[in-house]
Amino acid sequence: MPRDKQCGFTLLEILITLFIFSIGFLALLRLQTLMLQQSQENYFHSIANTQLQNAWEHWHIDAKNDRAIALENWQADNARLLPDGGAHIEMQTRNVDIMLFWINHFGSDKKSQISASAWYVL
């Protein structure tokens, strides 16, 4: 039996293959992390849009009632629903500018701020 012919793979070929697969696997892990971050960001944007709609409804429903109490309850909801959430409301002549803000704490201790705002004509 001749021993000249090579059967199987060399150790170097296996190591190169494992290296290529590990790079691909790490890329997939990074992609999964980015998808989770984007999903969480979209979730908080959805909550913020709902809260902006709630503020608008409270503004019109509570026009004859005490708006300060309704807005105080709304602010408490923002703090409960959004991480480090709050709002800034600016009232002008016939306009109300509402800005919601919260801090996204995903992944590390580094905090990033994301905001959503709406402007309504009364």
PDB file of N, CA and C in Angstrom:
ATOM      1  N   MET A   1       0.830  -1.180   0.000  1.00  0.00           N
ATOM      2  CA  MET A   1       0.000   0.000   0.000  1.00  0.00           C
ATOM      3  C   MET A   1       0.876   1.246   0.000  1.00  0.00           C
ATOM      4  N   PRO A   2       0.693   2.109  -0.989  1.00  0.00           N
ATOM      5  CA  PRO A   2       1.520   3.313  -1.021  1.00  0.00           C
ATOM      6  C   PRO A   2       1.097   4.302   0.069  1.00  0.00           C
ATOM      7  N   ARG A   3       2.077   4.910   0.721  1.00  0.00           N
ATOM      8  CA  ARG A   3       1.805   5.890   1.777  1.00  0.00           C
ATOM      9  C   ARG A   3       1.962   7.306   1.240  1.00  0.00           C
ATOM     10  N   ASP A   4       2.123   7.479  -0.080  1.00  0.00           N
ATOM     11  CA  ASP A   4       2.318   8.796  -0.670  1.00  0.00           C
ATOM     12  C   ASP A   4       1.021   9.611  -0.679  1.00  0.00           C
ATOM     13  N   LYS A   5      -0.085   8.935  -0.872  1.00  0.00           N
ATOM     14  CA  LYS A   5      -1.363   9.654  -0.976  1.00  0.00           C
ATOM     15  C   LYS A   5      -1.838  10.085   0.404  1.00  0.00           C
ATOM     16  N   GLN A   6      -2.367  11.316   0.423  1.00  0.00           N
ATOM     17  CA  GLN A   6      -2.835  11.874   1.696  1.00  0.00           C
ATOM     18  C   GLN A   6      -4.301  11.514   1.891  1.00  0.00           C
ATOM     19  N   CYS A   7      -4.627  11.000   3.025  1.00  0.00           N
ATOM     20  CA  CYS A   7      -6.011  10.697   3.381  1.00  0.00           C
ATOM     21  C   CYS A   7      -6.388  11.573   4.566  1.00  0.00           C
ATOM     22  N   GLY A   8      -7.513  12.274   4.451  1.00  0.00           N
ATOM     23  CA  GLY A   8      -7.965  13.110   5.553  1.00  0.00           C
ATOM     24  C   GLY A   8      -7.448  14.536   5.450  1.00  0.00           C
ATOM     25  N   PHE A   9      -7.510  15.243   6.574  1.00  0.00           N
ATOM     26  CA  PHE A   9      -7.130  16.651   6.624  1.00  0.00           C
ATOM     27  C   PHE A   9      -5.923  16.842   7.529  1.00  0.00           C
ATOM     28  N   THR A  10      -5.168  17.877   7.254  1.00  0.00           N
ATOM     29  CA  THR A  10      -4.041  18.190   8.126  1.00  0.00           C
ATOM     30  C   THR A  10      -4.527  19.048   9.285  1.00  0.00           C
ATOM     31  N   LEU A  11      -3.734  19.125  10.308  1.00  0.00           N
ATOM     32  CA  LEU A  11      -4.086  19.929  11.478  1.00  0.00           C
ATOM     33  C   LEU A  11      -4.223  21.401  11.103  1.00  0.00           C
ATOM     34  N   LEU A  12      -3.404  21.897  10.223  1.00  0.00           N
ATOM     35  CA  LEU A  12      -3.469  23.294   9.796  1.00  0.00           C
ATOM     36  C   LEU A  12      -4.781  23.595   9.081  1.00  0.00           C
ATOM     37  N   GLU A  13      -5.245  22.697   8.238  1.00  0.00           N
ATOM     38  CA  GLU A  13      -6.521  22.891   7.550  1.00  0.00           C
ATOM     39  C   GLU A  13      -7.683  22.939   8.538  1.00  0.00           C
ATOM     40  N   ILE A  14      -7.630  22.091   9.536  1.00  0.00           N
ATOM     41  CA  ILE A  14      -8.687  22.076  10.559  1.00  0.00           C
ATOM     42  C   ILE A  14      -8.664  23.363  11.374  1.00  0.00           C
ATOM     43  N   LEU A  15      -7.489  23.840  11.744  1.00  0.00           N
ATOM     44  CA  LEU A  15      -7.391  25.086  12.514  1.00  0.00           C
ATOM     45  C   LEU A  15      -7.888  26.276  11.714  1.00  0.00           C
ATOM     46  N   ILE A  16      -7.573  26.347  10.447  1.00  0.00           N
ATOM     47  CA  ILE A  16      -8.046  27.447   9.598  1.00  0.00           C
ATOM     48  C   ILE A  16      -9.573  27.398   9.482  1.00  0.00           C
ATOM     49  N   THR A  17     -10.119  26.200   9.310  1.00  0.00           N
ATOM     50  CA  THR A  17     -11.574  26.045   9.230  1.00  0.00           C
ATOM     51  C   THR A  17     -12.244  26.475  10.527  1.00  0.00           C
ATOM     52  N   LEU A  18     -11.696  26.064  11.662  1.00  0.00           N
ATOM     53  CA  LEU A  18     -12.256  26.471  12.960  1.00  0.00           C
ATOM     54  C   LEU A  18     -12.172  27.981  13.147  1.00  0.00           C
ATOM     55  N   PHE A  19     -11.098  28.591  12.703  1.00  0.00           N
ATOM     56  CA  PHE A  19     -10.949  30.040  12.805  1.00  0.00           C
ATOM     57  C   PHE A  19     -12.019  30.755  11.978  1.00  0.00           C
ATOM     58  N   ILE A  20     -12.238  30.295  10.766  1.00  0.00           N
ATOM     59  CA  ILE A  20     -13.252  30.921   9.901  1.00  0.00           C
ATOM     60  C   ILE A  20     -14.647  30.754  10.496  1.00  0.00           C
ATOM     61  N   PHE A  21     -14.968  29.558  10.991  1.00  0.00           N
ATOM     62  CA  PHE A  21     -16.274  29.341  11.617  1.00  0.00           C
ATOM     63  C   PHE A  21     -16.440  30.182  12.884  1.00  0.00           C
ATOM     64  N   SER A  22     -15.378  30.347  13.672  1.00  0.00           N
ATOM     65  CA  SER A  22     -15.490  31.146  14.895  1.00  0.00           C
ATOM     66  C   SER A  22     -15.725  32.619  14.573  1.00  0.00           C
ATOM     67  N   ILE A  23     -15.100  33.132  13.507  1.00  0.00           N
ATOM     68  CA  ILE A  23     -15.349  34.515  13.093  1.00  0.00           C
ATOM     69  C   ILE A  23     -16.810  34.683  12.683  1.00  0.00           C
ATOM     70  N   GLY A  24     -17.318  33.736  11.935  1.00  0.00           N
ATOM     71  CA  GLY A  24     -18.726  33.784  11.530  1.00  0.00           C
ATOM     72  C   GLY A  24     -19.670  33.701  12.718  1.00  0.00           C
ATOM     73  N   PHE A  25     -19.345  32.846  13.675  1.00  0.00           N
ATOM     74  CA  PHE A  25     -20.178  32.707  14.866  1.00  0.00           C
ATOM     75  C   PHE A  25     -20.169  33.986  15.700  1.00  0.00           C
ATOM     76  N   LEU A  26     -19.017  34.616  15.843  1.00  0.00           N
ATOM     77  CA  LEU A  26     -18.936  35.886  16.584  1.00  0.00           C
ATOM     78  C   LEU A  26     -19.725  36.982  15.874  1.00  0.00           C
ATOM     79  N   ALA A  27     -19.712  36.982  14.557  1.00  0.00           N
ATOM     80  CA  ALA A  27     -20.503  37.961  13.807  1.00  0.00           C
ATOM     81  C   ALA A  27     -21.996  37.746  14.056  1.00  0.00           C
ATOM     82  N   LEU A  28     -22.425  36.496  14.114  1.00  0.00           N
ATOM     83  CA  LEU A  28     -23.826  36.207  14.409  1.00  0.00           C
ATOM     84  C   LEU A  28     -24.206  36.643  15.823  1.00  0.00           C
ATOM     85  N   LEU A  29     -23.309  36.451  16.782  1.00  0.00           N
ATOM     86  CA  LEU A  29     -23.573  36.901  18.152  1.00  0.00           C
ATOM     87  C   LEU A  29     -23.712  38.422  18.217  1.00  0.00           C
ATOM     88  N   ARG A  30     -22.858  39.129  17.504  1.00  0.00           N
ATOM     89  CA  ARG A  30     -22.935  40.594  17.472  1.00  0.00           C
ATOM     90  C   ARG A  30     -24.237  41.044  16.825  1.00  0.00           C
ATOM     91  N   LEU A  31     -24.628  40.373  15.767  1.00  0.00           N
ATOM     92  CA  LEU A  31     -25.890  40.694  15.095  1.00  0.00           C
ATOM     93  C   LEU A  31     -27.070  40.481  16.040  1.00  0.00           C
ATOM     94  N   GLN A  32     -27.043  39.421  16.810  1.00  0.00           N
ATOM     95  CA  GLN A  32     -28.106  39.150  17.781  1.00  0.00           C
ATOM     96  C   GLN A  32     -28.173  40.257  18.840  1.00  0.00           C
ATOM     97  N   THR A  33     -27.026  40.707  19.315  1.00  0.00           N
ATOM     98  CA  THR A  33     -26.990  41.786  20.296  1.00  0.00           C
ATOM     99  C   THR A  33     -27.567  43.079  19.714  1.00  0.00           C
ATOM    100  N   LEU A  34     -27.190  43.401  18.493  1.00  0.00           N
ATOM    101  CA  LEU A  34     -27.724  44.607  17.853  1.00  0.00           C
ATOM    102  C   LEU A  34     -29.231  44.509  17.645  1.00  0.00           C
ATOM    103  N   MET A  35     -29.717  43.316  17.313  1.00  0.00           N
ATOM    104  CA  MET A  35     -31.160  43.141  17.136  1.00  0.00           C
ATOM    105  C   MET A  35     -31.896  43.321  18.455  1.00  0.00           C
ATOM    106  N   LEU A  36     -31.327  42.834  19.555  1.00  0.00           N
ATOM    107  CA  LEU A  36     -31.946  43.020  20.871  1.00  0.00           C
ATOM    108  C   LEU A  36     -31.967  44.493  21.267  1.00  0.00           C
ATOM    109  N   GLN A  37     -30.884  45.208  20.996  1.00  0.00           N
ATOM    110  CA  GLN A  37     -30.845  46.639  21.301  1.00  0.00           C
ATOM    111  C   GLN A  37     -31.902  47.386  20.502  1.00  0.00           C
ATOM    112  N   GLN A  38     -32.010  47.093  19.216  1.00  0.00           N
ATOM    113  CA  GLN A  38     -32.993  47.762  18.374  1.00  0.00           C
ATOM    114  C   GLN A  38     -34.413  47.419  18.808  1.00  0.00           C
ATOM    115  N   SER A  39     -34.636  46.175  19.196  1.00  0.00           N
ATOM    116  CA  SER A  39     -35.950  45.757  19.669  1.00  0.00           C
ATOM    117  C   SER A  39     -36.346  46.520  20.929  1.00  0.00           C
ATOM    118  N   GLN A  40     -35.410  46.673  21.853  1.00  0.00           N
ATOM    119  CA  GLN A  40     -35.705  47.413  23.073  1.00  0.00           C
ATOM    120  C   GLN A  40     -35.957  48.888  22.772  1.00  0.00           C
ATOM    121  N   GLU A  41     -35.178  49.459  21.881  1.00  0.00           N
ATOM    122  CA  GLU A  41     -35.376  50.855  21.501  1.00  0.00           C
ATOM    123  C   GLU A  41     -36.751  51.051  20.862  1.00  0.00           C
ATOM    124  N   ASN A  42     -37.150  50.134  19.987  1.00  0.00           N
ATOM    125  CA  ASN A  42     -38.472  50.216  19.356  1.00  0.00           C
ATOM    126  C   ASN A  42     -39.588  50.066  20.383  1.00  0.00           C
ATOM    127  N   TYR A  43     -39.372  49.203  21.367  1.00  0.00           N
ATOM    128  CA  TYR A  43     -40.354  49.017  22.435  1.00  0.00           C
ATOM    129  C   TYR A  43     -40.571  50.319  23.204  1.00  0.00           C
ATOM    130  N   PHE A  44     -39.479  50.999  23.571  1.00  0.00           N
ATOM    131  CA  PHE A  44     -39.616  52.245  24.309  1.00  0.00           C
ATOM    132  C   PHE A  44     -40.204  53.358  23.443  1.00  0.00           C
ATOM    133  N   HIS A  45     -39.894  53.363  22.156  1.00  0.00           N
ATOM    134  CA  HIS A  45     -40.520  54.345  21.259  1.00  0.00           C
ATOM    135  C   HIS A  45     -42.030  54.110  21.171  1.00  0.00           C
ATOM    136  N   SER A  46     -42.434  52.864  21.141  1.00  0.00           N
ATOM    137  CA  SER A  46     -43.856  52.534  21.106  1.00  0.00           C
ATOM    138  C   SER A  46     -44.558  53.022  22.370  1.00  0.00           C
ATOM    139  N   ILE A  47     -43.939  52.776  23.512  1.00  0.00           N
ATOM    140  CA  ILE A  47     -44.519  53.261  24.775  1.00  0.00           C
ATOM    141  C   ILE A  47     -44.583  54.787  24.774  1.00  0.00           C
ATOM    142  N   ALA A  48     -43.530  55.436  24.300  1.00  0.00           N
ATOM    143  CA  ALA A  48     -43.501  56.901  24.274  1.00  0.00           C
ATOM    144  C   ALA A  48     -44.600  57.450  23.373  1.00  0.00           C
ATOM    145  N   ASN A  49     -44.804  56.842  22.218  1.00  0.00           N
ATOM    146  CA  ASN A  49     -45.875  57.314  21.330  1.00  0.00           C
ATOM    147  C   ASN A  49     -47.244  57.138  21.963  1.00  0.00           C
ATOM    148  N   THR A  50     -47.432  56.023  22.666  1.00  0.00           N
ATOM    149  CA  THR A  50     -48.694  55.812  23.381  1.00  0.00           C
ATOM    150  C   THR A  50     -48.866  56.860  24.478  1.00  0.00           C
ATOM    151  N   GLN A  51     -47.800  57.159  25.193  1.00  0.00           N
ATOM    152  CA  GLN A  51     -47.874  58.165  26.256  1.00  0.00           C
ATOM    153  C   GLN A  51     -48.145  59.564  25.679  1.00  0.00           C
ATOM    154  N   LEU A  52     -47.574  59.868  24.518  1.00  0.00           N
ATOM    155  CA  LEU A  52     -47.877  61.154  23.888  1.00  0.00           C
ATOM    156  C   LEU A  52     -49.354  61.241  23.524  1.00  0.00           C
ATOM    157  N   GLN A  53     -49.903  60.145  23.004  1.00  0.00           N
ATOM    158  CA  GLN A  53     -51.338  60.119  22.690  1.00  0.00           C
ATOM    159  C   GLN A  53     -52.168  60.263  23.964  1.00  0.00           C
ATOM    160  N   ASN A  54     -51.744  59.601  25.044  1.00  0.00           N
ATOM    161  CA  ASN A  54     -52.451  59.731  26.322  1.00  0.00           C
ATOM    162  C   ASN A  54     -52.430  61.168  26.824  1.00  0.00           C
ATOM    163  N   ALA A  55     -51.293  61.836  26.673  1.00  0.00           N
ATOM    164  CA  ALA A  55     -51.199  63.236  27.109  1.00  0.00           C
ATOM    165  C   ALA A  55     -52.172  64.096  26.329  1.00  0.00           C
ATOM    166  N   TRP A  56     -52.237  63.870  25.040  1.00  0.00           N
ATOM    167  CA  TRP A  56     -53.155  64.633  24.180  1.00  0.00           C
ATOM    168  C   TRP A  56     -54.603  64.398  24.595  1.00  0.00           C
ATOM    169  N   GLU A  57     -54.959  63.132  24.862  1.00  0.00           N
ATOM    170  CA  GLU A  57     -56.322  62.817  25.286  1.00  0.00           C
ATOM    171  C   GLU A  57     -56.627  63.428  26.644  1.00  0.00           C
ATOM    172  N   HIS A  58     -55.684  63.339  27.587  1.00  0.00           N
ATOM    173  CA  HIS A  58     -55.900  63.955  28.901  1.00  0.00           C
ATOM    174  C   HIS A  58     -56.061  65.468  28.771  1.00  0.00           C
ATOM    175  N   TRP A  59     -55.322  66.058  27.876  1.00  0.00           N
ATOM    176  CA  TRP A  59     -55.390  67.507  27.691  1.00  0.00           C
ATOM    177  C   TRP A  59     -56.796  67.932  27.274  1.00  0.00           C
ATOM    178  N   HIS A  60     -57.418  67.152  26.380  1.00  0.00           N
ATOM    179  CA  HIS A  60     -58.765  67.495  25.918  1.00  0.00           C
ATOM    180  C   HIS A  60     -59.855  67.034  26.873  1.00  0.00           C
ATOM    181  N   ILE A  61     -59.711  65.850  27.451  1.00  0.00           N
ATOM    182  CA  ILE A  61     -60.732  65.339  28.369  1.00  0.00           C
ATOM    183  C   ILE A  61     -60.767  66.178  29.636  1.00  0.00           C
ATOM    184  N   ASP A  62     -59.612  66.540  30.144  1.00  0.00           N
ATOM    185  CA  ASP A  62     -59.530  67.267  31.403  1.00  0.00           C
ATOM    186  C   ASP A  62     -59.517  68.775  31.199  1.00  0.00           C
ATOM    187  N   ALA A  63     -60.037  69.239  30.068  1.00  0.00           N
ATOM    188  CA  ALA A  63     -60.044  70.675  29.801  1.00  0.00           C
ATOM    189  C   ALA A  63     -60.862  71.412  30.854  1.00  0.00           C
ATOM    190  N   LYS A  64     -61.931  70.809  31.320  1.00  0.00           N
ATOM    191  CA  LYS A  64     -62.776  71.467  32.320  1.00  0.00           C
ATOM    192  C   LYS A  64     -62.370  71.063  33.737  1.00  0.00           C
ATOM    193  N   ASN A  65     -61.659  69.985  33.864  1.00  0.00           N
ATOM    194  CA  ASN A  65     -61.209  69.511  35.170  1.00  0.00           C
ATOM    195  C   ASN A  65     -59.816  70.059  35.462  1.00  0.00           C
ATOM    196  N   ASP A  66     -59.213  69.541  36.487  1.00  0.00           N
ATOM    197  CA  ASP A  66     -57.892  70.000  36.883  1.00  0.00           C
ATOM    198  C   ASP A  66     -56.826  69.319  36.036  1.00  0.00           C
ATOM    199  N   ARG A  67     -56.259  70.057  35.088  1.00  0.00           N
ATOM    200  CA  ARG A  67     -55.222  69.501  34.222  1.00  0.00           C
ATOM    201  C   ARG A  67     -53.940  69.191  34.981  1.00  0.00           C
ATOM    202  N   ALA A  68     -53.668  69.933  36.030  1.00  0.00           N
ATOM    203  CA  ALA A  68     -52.430  69.724  36.782  1.00  0.00           C
ATOM    204  C   ALA A  68     -52.390  68.321  37.390  1.00  0.00           C
ATOM    205  N   ILE A  69     -53.505  67.864  37.930  1.00  0.00           N
ATOM    206  CA  ILE A  69     -53.550  66.516  38.513  1.00  0.00           C
ATOM    207  C   ILE A  69     -53.396  65.461  37.434  1.00  0.00           C
ATOM    208  N   ALA A  70     -54.072  65.658  36.298  1.00  0.00           N
ATOM    209  CA  ALA A  70     -53.977  64.695  35.192  1.00  0.00           C
ATOM    210  C   ALA A  70     -52.543  64.620  34.666  1.00  0.00           C
ATOM    211  N   LEU A  71     -51.880  65.773  34.522  1.00  0.00           N
ATOM    212  CA  LEU A  71     -50.509  65.777  34.031  1.00  0.00           C
ATOM    213  C   LEU A  71     -49.541  65.192  35.056  1.00  0.00           C
ATOM    214  N   GLU A  72     -49.841  65.398  36.318  1.00  0.00           N
ATOM    215  CA  GLU A  72     -49.007  64.804  37.373  1.00  0.00           C
ATOM    216  C   GLU A  72     -49.110  63.277  37.334  1.00  0.00           C
ATOM    217  N   ASN A  73     -50.319  62.765  37.158  1.00  0.00           N
ATOM    218  CA  ASN A  73     -50.507  61.314  37.034  1.00  0.00           C
ATOM    219  C   ASN A  73     -49.821  60.788  35.773  1.00  0.00           C
ATOM    220  N   TRP A  74     -49.889  61.554  34.696  1.00  0.00           N
ATOM    221  CA  TRP A  74     -49.249  61.172  33.448  1.00  0.00           C
ATOM    222  C   TRP A  74     -47.729  61.121  33.610  1.00  0.00           C
ATOM    223  N   GLN A  75     -47.177  62.104  34.321  1.00  0.00           N
ATOM    224  CA  GLN A  75     -45.727  62.113  34.592  1.00  0.00           C
ATOM    225  C   GLN A  75     -45.322  60.889  35.421  1.00  0.00           C
ATOM    226  N   ALA A  76     -46.173  60.519  36.385  1.00  0.00           N
ATOM    227  CA  ALA A  76     -45.886  59.333  37.200  1.00  0.00           C
ATOM    228  C   ALA A  76     -45.892  58.073  36.329  1.00  0.00           C
ATOM    229  N   ASP A  77     -46.808  58.009  35.358  1.00  0.00           N
ATOM    230  CA  ASP A  77     -46.830  56.878  34.420  1.00  0.00           C
ATOM    231  C   ASP A  77     -45.555  56.838  33.585  1.00  0.00           C
ATOM    232  N   ASN A  78     -45.090  57.997  33.150  1.00  0.00           N
ATOM    233  CA  ASN A  78     -43.850  58.045  32.361  1.00  0.00           C
ATOM    234  C   ASN A  78     -42.674  57.496  33.156  1.00  0.00           C
ATOM    235  N   ALA A  79     -42.589  57.894  34.410  1.00  0.00           N
ATOM    236  CA  ALA A  79     -41.487  57.425  35.261  1.00  0.00           C
ATOM    237  C   ALA A  79     -41.586  55.925  35.503  1.00  0.00           C
ATOM    238  N   ARG A  80     -42.807  55.400  35.540  1.00  0.00           N
ATOM    239  CA  ARG A  80     -43.007  53.969  35.777  1.00  0.00           C
ATOM    240  C   ARG A  80     -42.767  53.144  34.516  1.00  0.00           C
ATOM    241  N   LEU A  81     -43.170  53.634  33.352  1.00  0.00           N
ATOM    242  CA  LEU A  81     -43.110  52.854  32.116  1.00  0.00           C
ATOM    243  C   LEU A  81     -41.773  52.947  31.383  1.00  0.00           C
ATOM    244  N   LEU A  82     -41.096  54.076  31.505  1.00  0.00           N
ATOM    245  CA  LEU A  82     -39.841  54.288  30.785  1.00  0.00           C
ATOM    246  C   LEU A  82     -38.684  54.362  31.779  1.00  0.00           C
ATOM    247  N   PRO A  83     -37.544  53.757  31.466  1.00  0.00           N
ATOM    248  CA  PRO A  83     -36.419  53.821  32.403  1.00  0.00           C
ATOM    249  C   PRO A  83     -35.879  55.245  32.531  1.00  0.00           C
ATOM    250  N   ASP A  84     -35.874  55.755  33.736  1.00  0.00           N
ATOM    251  CA  ASP A  84     -35.488  57.143  34.014  1.00  0.00           C
ATOM    252  C   ASP A  84     -36.284  58.103  33.136  1.00  0.00           C
ATOM    253  N   GLY A  85     -37.559  57.788  32.950  1.00  0.00           N
ATOM    254  CA  GLY A  85     -38.403  58.556  32.034  1.00  0.00           C
ATOM    255  C   GLY A  85     -38.937  59.833  32.650  1.00  0.00           C
ATOM    256  N   GLY A  86     -39.183  60.777  31.801  1.00  0.00           N
ATOM    257  CA  GLY A  86     -39.763  62.045  32.201  1.00  0.00           C
ATOM    258  C   GLY A  86     -40.291  62.761  30.983  1.00  0.00           C
ATOM    259  N   ALA A  87     -40.814  63.954  31.210  1.00  0.00           N
ATOM    260  CA  ALA A  87     -41.383  64.717  30.099  1.00  0.00           C
ATOM    261  C   ALA A  87     -41.182  66.200  30.336  1.00  0.00           C
ATOM    262  N   HIS A  88     -41.158  66.905  29.242  1.00  0.00           N
ATOM    263  CA  HIS A  88     -41.100  68.362  29.281  1.00  0.00           C
ATOM    264  C   HIS A  88     -42.290  68.861  28.467  1.00  0.00           C
ATOM    265  N   ILE A  89     -43.120  69.668  29.098  1.00  0.00           N
ATOM    266  CA  ILE A  89     -44.309  70.197  28.430  1.00  0.00           C
ATOM    267  C   ILE A  89     -44.176  71.707  28.367  1.00  0.00           C
ATOM    268  N   GLU A  90     -44.277  72.233  27.169  1.00  0.00           N
ATOM    269  CA  GLU A  90     -44.200  73.673  26.964  1.00  0.00           C
ATOM    270  C   GLU A  90     -45.505  74.144  26.329  1.00  0.00           C
ATOM    271  N   MET A  91     -46.182  75.047  27.013  1.00  0.00           N
ATOM    272  CA  MET A  91     -47.460  75.560  26.512  1.00  0.00           C
ATOM    273  C   MET A  91     -47.277  76.983  26.034  1.00  0.00           C
ATOM    274  N   GLN A  92     -47.707  77.212  24.797  1.00  0.00           N
ATOM    275  CA  GLN A  92     -47.689  78.548  24.237  1.00  0.00           C
ATOM    276  C   GLN A  92     -49.122  78.975  23.986  1.00  0.00           C
ATOM    277  N   THR A  93     -49.336  79.970  23.195  1.00  0.00           N
ATOM    278  CA  THR A  93     -50.665  80.535  23.009  1.00  0.00           C
ATOM    279  C   THR A  93     -51.709  79.470  22.697  1.00  0.00           C
ATOM    280  N   ARG A  94     -51.606  78.820  21.574  1.00  0.00           N
ATOM    281  CA  ARG A  94     -52.558  77.772  21.217  1.00  0.00           C
ATOM    282  C   ARG A  94     -51.838  76.474  20.880  1.00  0.00           C
ATOM    283  N   ASN A  95     -50.608  76.360  21.302  1.00  0.00           N
ATOM    284  CA  ASN A  95     -49.809  75.182  20.985  1.00  0.00           C
ATOM    285  C   ASN A  95     -49.290  74.530  22.267  1.00  0.00           C
ATOM    286  N   VAL A  96     -49.152  73.233  22.201  1.00  0.00           N
ATOM    287  CA  VAL A  96     -48.552  72.479  23.295  1.00  0.00           C
ATOM    288  C   VAL A  96     -47.440  71.634  22.686  1.00  0.00           C
ATOM    289  N   ASP A  97     -46.256  71.774  23.225  1.00  0.00           N
ATOM    290  CA  ASP A  97     -45.111  70.979  22.772  1.00  0.00           C
ATOM    291  C   ASP A  97     -44.766  70.007  23.889  1.00  0.00           C
ATOM    292  N   ILE A  98     -44.815  68.724  23.581  1.00  0.00           N
ATOM    293  CA  ILE A  98     -44.566  67.685  24.577  1.00  0.00           C
ATOM    294  C   ILE A  98     -43.349  66.889  24.125  1.00  0.00           C
ATOM    295  N   MET A  99     -42.390  66.739  25.025  1.00  0.00           N
ATOM    296  CA  MET A  99     -41.214  65.926  24.726  1.00  0.00           C
ATOM    297  C   MET A  99     -41.040  64.894  25.835  1.00  0.00           C
ATOM    298  N   LEU A 100     -41.016  63.632  25.444  1.00  0.00           N
ATOM    299  CA  LEU A 100     -40.725  62.551  26.379  1.00  0.00           C
ATOM    300  C   LEU A 100     -39.261  62.181  26.251  1.00  0.00           C
ATOM    301  N   PHE A 101     -38.657  61.837  27.362  1.00  0.00           N
ATOM    302  CA  PHE A 101     -37.270  61.395  27.305  1.00  0.00           C
ATOM    303  C   PHE A 101     -37.077  60.252  28.277  1.00  0.00           C
ATOM    304  N   TRP A 102     -36.134  59.407  27.951  1.00  0.00           N
ATOM    305  CA  TRP A 102     -35.754  58.297  28.809  1.00  0.00           C
ATOM    306  C   TRP A 102     -34.331  57.900  28.475  1.00  0.00           C
ATOM    307  N   ILE A 103     -33.748  57.117  29.367  1.00  0.00           N
ATOM    308  CA  ILE A 103     -32.364  56.670  29.197  1.00  0.00           C
ATOM    309  C   ILE A 103     -32.397  55.175  28.888  1.00  0.00           C
ATOM    310  N   ASN A 104     -31.706  54.791  27.826  1.00  0.00           N
ATOM    311  CA  ASN A 104     -31.634  53.386  27.444  1.00  0.00           C
ATOM    312  C   ASN A 104     -30.367  52.784  28.048  1.00  0.00           C
ATOM    313  N   HIS A 105     -30.522  51.817  28.945  1.00  0.00           N
ATOM    314  CA  HIS A 105     -29.394  51.222  29.681  1.00  0.00           C
ATOM    315  C   HIS A 105     -28.990  49.860  29.141  1.00  0.00           C
ATOM    316  N   PHE A 106     -29.233  49.539  27.912  1.00  0.00           N
ATOM    317  CA  PHE A 106     -28.982  48.181  27.424  1.00  0.00           C
ATOM    318  C   PHE A 106     -27.496  47.910  27.245  1.00  0.00           C
ATOM    319  N   GLY A 107     -27.046  46.777  27.742  1.00  0.00           N
ATOM    320  CA  GLY A 107     -25.721  46.284  27.410  1.00  0.00           C
ATOM    321  C   GLY A 107     -24.593  46.705  28.330  1.00  0.00           C
ATOM    322  N   SER A 108     -24.470  47.977  28.652  1.00  0.00           N
ATOM    323  CA  SER A 108     -23.345  48.420  29.469  1.00  0.00           C
ATOM    324  C   SER A 108     -23.798  49.553  30.380  1.00  0.00           C
ATOM    325  N   ASP A 109     -22.851  50.098  31.124  1.00  0.00           N
ATOM    326  CA  ASP A 109     -23.166  51.208  32.009  1.00  0.00           C
ATOM    327  C   ASP A 109     -23.288  52.524  31.255  1.00  0.00           C
ATOM    328  N   LYS A 110     -22.898  52.527  30.005  1.00  0.00           N
ATOM    329  CA  LYS A 110     -22.991  53.749  29.204  1.00  0.00           C
ATOM    330  C   LYS A 110     -24.460  54.049  28.917  1.00  0.00           C
ATOM    331  N   LYS A 111     -24.859  55.255  29.275  1.00  0.00           N
ATOM    332  CA  LYS A 111     -26.251  55.653  29.092  1.00  0.00           C
ATOM    333  C   LYS A 111     -26.394  56.483  27.823  1.00  0.00           C
ATOM    334  N   SER A 112     -27.416  56.181  27.070  1.00  0.00           N
ATOM    335  CA  SER A 112     -27.706  56.975  25.883  1.00  0.00           C
ATOM    336  C   SER A 112     -29.117  57.517  26.009  1.00  0.00           C
ATOM    337  N   GLN A 113     -29.334  58.698  25.504  1.00  0.00           N
ATOM    338  CA  GLN A 113     -30.639  59.332  25.618  1.00  0.00           C
ATOM    339  C   GLN A 113     -31.367  59.264  24.293  1.00  0.00           C
ATOM    340  N   ILE A 114     -32.632  58.919  24.373  1.00  0.00           N
ATOM    341  CA  ILE A 114     -33.494  58.827  23.198  1.00  0.00           C
ATOM    342  C   ILE A 114     -34.711  59.700  23.489  1.00  0.00           C
ATOM    343  N   SER A 115     -35.163  60.435  22.502  1.00  0.00           N
ATOM    344  CA  SER A 115     -36.310  61.303  22.768  1.00  0.00           C
ATOM    345  C   SER A 115     -37.375  61.155  21.694  1.00  0.00           C
ATOM    346  N   ALA A 116     -38.586  61.438  22.075  1.00  0.00           N
ATOM    347  CA  ALA A 116     -39.723  61.493  21.151  1.00  0.00           C
ATOM    348  C   ALA A 116     -40.498  62.747  21.464  1.00  0.00           C
ATOM    349  N   SER A 117     -40.957  63.446  20.464  1.00  0.00           N
ATOM    350  CA  SER A 117     -41.680  64.683  20.738  1.00  0.00           C
ATOM    351  C   SER A 117     -42.890  64.792  19.819  1.00  0.00           C
ATOM    352  N   ALA A 118     -43.851  65.577  20.231  1.00  0.00           N
ATOM    353  CA  ALA A 118     -45.053  65.840  19.427  1.00  0.00           C
ATOM    354  C   ALA A 118     -45.456  67.281  19.630  1.00  0.00           C
ATOM    355  N   TRP A 119     -46.056  67.854  18.649  1.00  0.00           N
ATOM    356  CA  TRP A 119     -46.496  69.237  18.697  1.00  0.00           C
ATOM    357  C   TRP A 119     -47.940  69.265  18.258  1.00  0.00           C
ATOM    358  N   TYR A 120     -48.806  69.828  19.060  1.00  0.00           N
ATOM    359  CA  TYR A 120     -50.231  69.824  18.780  1.00  0.00           C
ATOM    360  C   TYR A 120     -50.772  71.237  18.730  1.00  0.00           C
ATOM    361  N   VAL A 121     -51.724  71.445  17.856  1.00  0.00           N
ATOM    362  CA  VAL A 121     -52.452  72.712  17.793  1.00  0.00           C
ATOM    363  C   VAL A 121     -53.770  72.483  18.481  1.00  0.00           C
ATOM    364  N   LEU A 122     -54.076  73.297  19.468  1.00  0.00           N
ATOM    365  CA  LEU A 122     -55.324  73.142  20.218  1.00  0.00           C
ATOM    366  C   LEU A 122     -56.477  73.786  19.493  1.00  0.00           C
TER     367      LEU A 122
END
